């Protein structure tokens, strides 16, 4: 039982960290090594000073939806972890972690919806850029997709997890 609790806690913390990085870090879309875009900023590398010059991303409805859903995913996962810790110390023996599992599953569903919206409405998110074909998805976008099965898996584990002692 201690190994299972350690594994579940470690999985939750890793997933939460990956989810936070996917939400806050830079490259969701990369045109080349000189230009990238995330949920919050569009950045270009200045060759003269070797610094990134960032401007706020143009707010479109689809981009706002992705932003809100990713923040909700982080919030659901954080609440899930705090509730898990609270239930771990206050729940009676034999209790199930239903609320914790449901929060994790909701976090997975919101991250899935955000990544799916970003995938399907890429051209609407970048209305100023006429040509998206030379670009590709960045690592934070991939991290968001990696979080989806991890969140769902940990949510399913929490639902089936029973407190022993």
C-alpha atoms as a PDB file:
ATOM      1  CA  UNK A   1       0.000   0.000   0.000  1.00  0.00           C
ATOM      2  CA  UNK A   2       2.751   2.561   0.748  1.00  0.00           C
ATOM      3  CA  UNK A   3       4.260   1.914  -2.696  1.00  0.00           C
ATOM      4  CA  UNK A   4       0.902   2.504  -4.388  1.00  0.00           C
ATOM      5  CA  UNK A   5       0.382   5.777  -2.511  1.00  0.00           C
ATOM      6  CA  UNK A   6       3.902   6.868  -3.395  1.00  0.00           C
ATOM      7  CA  UNK A   7       3.319   5.981  -7.078  1.00  0.00           C
ATOM      8  CA  UNK A   8      -0.033   7.795  -7.237  1.00  0.00           C
ATOM      9  CA  UNK A   9       1.350  10.885  -5.513  1.00  0.00           C
ATOM     10  CA  UNK A  10       4.428  10.939  -7.751  1.00  0.00           C
ATOM     11  CA  UNK A  11       2.298  10.482 -10.881  1.00  0.00           C
ATOM     12  CA  UNK A  12       0.031  13.307  -9.792  1.00  0.00           C
ATOM     13  CA  UNK A  13       2.927  15.692  -9.096  1.00  0.00           C
ATOM     14  CA  UNK A  14       4.648  14.852 -12.395  1.00  0.00           C
ATOM     15  CA  UNK A  15       1.424  15.345 -14.323  1.00  0.00           C
ATOM     16  CA  UNK A  16       0.742  18.628 -12.546  1.00  0.00           C
ATOM     17  CA  UNK A  17       4.253  19.881 -13.334  1.00  0.00           C
ATOM     18  CA  UNK A  18       3.957  18.904 -17.015  1.00  0.00           C
ATOM     19  CA  UNK A  19       0.544  20.535 -17.209  1.00  0.00           C
ATOM     20  CA  UNK A  20       1.854  23.744 -15.649  1.00  0.00           C
ATOM     21  CA  UNK A  21       4.818  23.817 -18.058  1.00  0.00           C
ATOM     22  CA  UNK A  22       2.507  23.230 -21.037  1.00  0.00           C
ATOM     23  CA  UNK A  23       0.317  26.127 -19.939  1.00  0.00           C
ATOM     24  CA  UNK A  24       2.997  28.691 -19.105  1.00  0.00           C
ATOM     25  CA  UNK A  25       5.985  27.943 -21.362  1.00  0.00           C
ATOM     26  CA  UNK A  26       6.619  29.327 -24.819  1.00  0.00           C
ATOM     27  CA  UNK A  27       6.361  27.178 -27.925  1.00  0.00           C
ATOM     28  CA  UNK A  28       2.924  25.858 -28.843  1.00  0.00           C
ATOM     29  CA  UNK A  29       3.637  26.747 -32.468  1.00  0.00           C
ATOM     30  CA  UNK A  30       7.098  27.223 -33.994  1.00  0.00           C
ATOM     31  CA  UNK A  31       7.780  28.651 -37.454  1.00  0.00           C
ATOM     32  CA  UNK A  32      11.541  28.286 -37.287  1.00  0.00           C
ATOM     33  CA  UNK A  33      14.212  28.789 -34.676  1.00  0.00           C
ATOM     34  CA  UNK A  34      13.595  32.515 -34.962  1.00  0.00           C
ATOM     35  CA  UNK A  35       9.860  32.745 -34.226  1.00  0.00           C
ATOM     36  CA  UNK A  36       7.436  30.974 -31.922  1.00  0.00           C
ATOM     37  CA  UNK A  37       4.044  31.467 -30.359  1.00  0.00           C
ATOM     38  CA  UNK A  38       2.445  30.255 -27.157  1.00  0.00           C
ATOM     39  CA  UNK A  39      -0.889  30.809 -25.468  1.00  0.00           C
ATOM     40  CA  UNK A  40       0.105  34.255 -24.266  1.00  0.00           C
ATOM     41  CA  UNK A  41       2.816  35.743 -26.512  1.00  0.00           C
ATOM     42  CA  UNK A  42       4.215  35.777 -30.036  1.00  0.00           C
ATOM     43  CA  UNK A  43       8.012  35.939 -29.907  1.00  0.00           C
ATOM     44  CA  UNK A  44      10.776  36.650 -32.422  1.00  0.00           C
ATOM     45  CA  UNK A  45      14.516  36.316 -31.937  1.00  0.00           C
ATOM     46  CA  UNK A  46      16.408  39.544 -32.611  1.00  0.00           C
ATOM     47  CA  UNK A  47      19.650  38.636 -34.377  1.00  0.00           C
ATOM     48  CA  UNK A  48      21.460  41.799 -33.373  1.00  0.00           C
ATOM     49  CA  UNK A  49      20.951  41.476 -29.630  1.00  0.00           C
ATOM     50  CA  UNK A  50      20.219  37.719 -29.454  1.00  0.00           C
ATOM     51  CA  UNK A  51      17.165  38.383 -27.299  1.00  0.00           C
ATOM     52  CA  UNK A  52      13.566  37.348 -27.712  1.00  0.00           C
ATOM     53  CA  UNK A  53      11.156  40.169 -28.493  1.00  0.00           C
ATOM     54  CA  UNK A  54       7.671  39.195 -27.399  1.00  0.00           C
ATOM     55  CA  UNK A  55       4.319  40.830 -27.980  1.00  0.00           C
ATOM     56  CA  UNK A  56       0.969  39.829 -26.574  1.00  0.00           C
ATOM     57  CA  UNK A  57      -0.863  37.310 -28.693  1.00  0.00           C
ATOM     58  CA  UNK A  58      -3.822  38.637 -30.610  1.00  0.00           C
ATOM     59  CA  UNK A  59      -6.874  37.619 -28.604  1.00  0.00           C
ATOM     60  CA  UNK A  60      -9.202  35.469 -30.654  1.00  0.00           C
ATOM     61  CA  UNK A  61     -12.148  33.521 -29.305  1.00  0.00           C
ATOM     62  CA  UNK A  62     -10.424  30.207 -29.950  1.00  0.00           C
ATOM     63  CA  UNK A  63      -7.207  31.272 -28.256  1.00  0.00           C
ATOM     64  CA  UNK A  64      -9.155  32.515 -25.230  1.00  0.00           C
ATOM     65  CA  UNK A  65     -10.969  29.179 -25.080  1.00  0.00           C
ATOM     66  CA  UNK A  66      -7.648  27.301 -25.090  1.00  0.00           C
ATOM     67  CA  UNK A  67      -6.233  29.628 -22.411  1.00  0.00           C
ATOM     68  CA  UNK A  68      -9.253  29.193 -20.145  1.00  0.00           C
ATOM     69  CA  UNK A  69      -9.360  25.422 -20.579  1.00  0.00           C
ATOM     70  CA  UNK A  70      -5.658  24.984 -19.830  1.00  0.00           C
ATOM     71  CA  UNK A  71      -5.938  27.147 -16.706  1.00  0.00           C
ATOM     72  CA  UNK A  72      -9.010  25.152 -15.629  1.00  0.00           C
ATOM     73  CA  UNK A  73      -7.053  21.969 -16.131  1.00  0.00           C
ATOM     74  CA  UNK A  74      -4.274  23.210 -13.846  1.00  0.00           C
ATOM     75  CA  UNK A  75      -6.847  24.332 -11.267  1.00  0.00           C
ATOM     76  CA  UNK A  76      -8.724  20.998 -11.344  1.00  0.00           C
ATOM     77  CA  UNK A  77      -5.495  19.046 -10.991  1.00  0.00           C
ATOM     78  CA  UNK A  78      -4.273  21.263  -8.128  1.00  0.00           C
ATOM     79  CA  UNK A  79      -7.601  20.997  -6.297  1.00  0.00           C
ATOM     80  CA  UNK A  80      -7.512  17.263  -6.855  1.00  0.00           C
ATOM     81  CA  UNK A  81      -4.092  17.002  -5.230  1.00  0.00           C
ATOM     82  CA  UNK A  82      -5.090  19.128  -2.244  1.00  0.00           C
ATOM     83  CA  UNK A  83      -8.297  17.147  -1.764  1.00  0.00           C
ATOM     84  CA  UNK A  84      -6.314  13.898  -2.006  1.00  0.00           C
ATOM     85  CA  UNK A  85      -3.982  15.034   0.753  1.00  0.00           C
ATOM     86  CA  UNK A  86      -6.940  16.094   2.876  1.00  0.00           C
ATOM     87  CA  UNK A  87      -8.783  12.826   2.298  1.00  0.00           C
ATOM     88  CA  UNK A  88      -5.650  10.845   3.007  1.00  0.00           C
ATOM     89  CA  UNK A  89      -5.517  12.177   6.549  1.00  0.00           C
ATOM     90  CA  UNK A  90      -9.228  12.625   7.357  1.00  0.00           C
ATOM     91  CA  UNK A  91     -11.065   9.871   5.479  1.00  0.00           C
ATOM     92  CA  UNK A  92     -12.191   6.820   7.400  1.00  0.00           C
ATOM     93  CA  UNK A  93     -10.709   3.408   6.641  1.00  0.00           C
ATOM     94  CA  UNK A  94     -12.241   1.812   3.548  1.00  0.00           C
ATOM     95  CA  UNK A  95     -13.230   5.113   1.916  1.00  0.00           C
ATOM     96  CA  UNK A  96     -12.802   5.765  -1.779  1.00  0.00           C
ATOM     97  CA  UNK A  97     -11.203   8.808  -3.388  1.00  0.00           C
ATOM     98  CA  UNK A  98     -14.114   9.604  -5.730  1.00  0.00           C
ATOM     99  CA  UNK A  99     -13.890  13.387  -5.608  1.00  0.00           C
ATOM    100  CA  UNK A 100     -10.141  13.334  -6.217  1.00  0.00           C
ATOM    101  CA  UNK A 101     -10.575  11.019  -9.188  1.00  0.00           C
ATOM    102  CA  UNK A 102     -13.374  13.101 -10.694  1.00  0.00           C
ATOM    103  CA  UNK A 103     -11.303  16.274 -10.414  1.00  0.00           C
ATOM    104  CA  UNK A 104      -8.425  14.537 -12.207  1.00  0.00           C
ATOM    105  CA  UNK A 105     -10.730  13.279 -14.943  1.00  0.00           C
ATOM    106  CA  UNK A 106     -12.170  16.791 -15.391  1.00  0.00           C
ATOM    107  CA  UNK A 107      -8.594  18.110 -15.628  1.00  0.00           C
ATOM    108  CA  UNK A 108      -7.901  15.545 -18.344  1.00  0.00           C
ATOM    109  CA  UNK A 109     -11.059  16.449 -20.237  1.00  0.00           C
ATOM    110  CA  UNK A 110     -10.313  20.169 -20.150  1.00  0.00           C
ATOM    111  CA  UNK A 111      -6.706  19.611 -21.313  1.00  0.00           C
ATOM    112  CA  UNK A 112      -8.019  17.336 -24.087  1.00  0.00           C
ATOM    113  CA  UNK A 113     -10.533  19.957 -25.203  1.00  0.00           C
ATOM    114  CA  UNK A 114      -7.898  22.722 -25.176  1.00  0.00           C
ATOM    115  CA  UNK A 115      -5.423  20.705 -27.233  1.00  0.00           C
ATOM    116  CA  UNK A 116      -8.160  19.630 -29.640  1.00  0.00           C
ATOM    117  CA  UNK A 117      -9.343  23.229 -30.145  1.00  0.00           C
ATOM    118  CA  UNK A 118      -5.750  24.322 -30.754  1.00  0.00           C
ATOM    119  CA  UNK A 119      -5.320  21.527 -33.284  1.00  0.00           C
ATOM    120  CA  UNK A 120      -8.522  22.128 -35.205  1.00  0.00           C
ATOM    121  CA  UNK A 121      -8.611  25.940 -35.149  1.00  0.00           C
ATOM    122  CA  UNK A 122      -4.962  26.720 -35.686  1.00  0.00           C
ATOM    123  CA  UNK A 123      -5.595  29.126 -38.571  1.00  0.00           C
ATOM    124  CA  UNK A 124      -8.247  31.025 -36.609  1.00  0.00           C
ATOM    125  CA  UNK A 125      -5.874  31.388 -33.649  1.00  0.00           C
ATOM    126  CA  UNK A 126      -3.234  33.023 -35.875  1.00  0.00           C
ATOM    127  CA  UNK A 127      -5.246  35.349 -38.140  1.00  0.00           C
ATOM    128  CA  UNK A 128      -2.233  37.587 -38.930  1.00  0.00           C
ATOM    129  CA  UNK A 129      -0.117  34.711 -40.206  1.00  0.00           C
ATOM    130  CA  UNK A 130      -1.321  33.689 -43.629  1.00  0.00           C
ATOM    131  CA  UNK A 131       1.087  30.802 -43.994  1.00  0.00           C
ATOM    132  CA  UNK A 132       1.244  28.208 -41.209  1.00  0.00           C
ATOM    133  CA  UNK A 133       2.635  25.394 -43.333  1.00  0.00           C
ATOM    134  CA  UNK A 134       6.350  26.104 -42.741  1.00  0.00           C
ATOM    135  CA  UNK A 135       5.722  25.871 -38.999  1.00  0.00           C
ATOM    136  CA  UNK A 136       5.076  22.969 -36.667  1.00  0.00           C
ATOM    137  CA  UNK A 137       3.678  22.295 -33.218  1.00  0.00           C
ATOM    138  CA  UNK A 138       6.008  23.060 -30.329  1.00  0.00           C
ATOM    139  CA  UNK A 139       6.920  20.949 -27.350  1.00  0.00           C
ATOM    140  CA  UNK A 140       4.370  22.548 -24.986  1.00  0.00           C
ATOM    141  CA  UNK A 141       1.581  21.504 -27.329  1.00  0.00           C
ATOM    142  CA  UNK A 142       2.951  17.955 -27.240  1.00  0.00           C
ATOM    143  CA  UNK A 143       3.193  18.108 -23.434  1.00  0.00           C
ATOM    144  CA  UNK A 144      -0.479  19.102 -23.295  1.00  0.00           C
ATOM    145  CA  UNK A 145      -1.375  15.975 -25.279  1.00  0.00           C
ATOM    146  CA  UNK A 146       0.890  13.829 -23.078  1.00  0.00           C
ATOM    147  CA  UNK A 147      -0.949  15.115 -19.991  1.00  0.00           C
ATOM    148  CA  UNK A 148      -4.346  13.937 -21.224  1.00  0.00           C
ATOM    149  CA  UNK A 149      -3.837  10.155 -20.829  1.00  0.00           C
ATOM    150  CA  UNK A 150      -1.797  10.664 -17.650  1.00  0.00           C
ATOM    151  CA  UNK A 151      -4.599  12.699 -16.062  1.00  0.00           C
ATOM    152  CA  UNK A 152      -7.253  10.187 -17.120  1.00  0.00           C
ATOM    153  CA  UNK A 153      -5.166   7.254 -15.881  1.00  0.00           C
ATOM    154  CA  UNK A 154      -4.481   8.844 -12.504  1.00  0.00           C
ATOM    155  CA  UNK A 155      -8.174   9.792 -12.215  1.00  0.00           C
ATOM    156  CA  UNK A 156      -9.160   6.168 -12.819  1.00  0.00           C
ATOM    157  CA  UNK A 157      -6.618   5.014 -10.218  1.00  0.00           C
ATOM    158  CA  UNK A 158      -8.020   7.468  -7.665  1.00  0.00           C
ATOM    159  CA  UNK A 159     -11.568   6.266  -8.268  1.00  0.00           C
ATOM    160  CA  UNK A 160     -10.544   2.662  -7.609  1.00  0.00           C
ATOM    161  CA  UNK A 161      -8.148   3.468  -4.765  1.00  0.00           C
ATOM    162  CA  UNK A 162      -9.439   2.515  -1.326  1.00  0.00           C
ATOM    163  CA  UNK A 163      -7.934   3.813   1.897  1.00  0.00           C
ATOM    164  CA  UNK A 164      -6.559   0.961   3.988  1.00  0.00           C
ATOM    165  CA  UNK A 165      -4.583   2.278   6.963  1.00  0.00           C
END
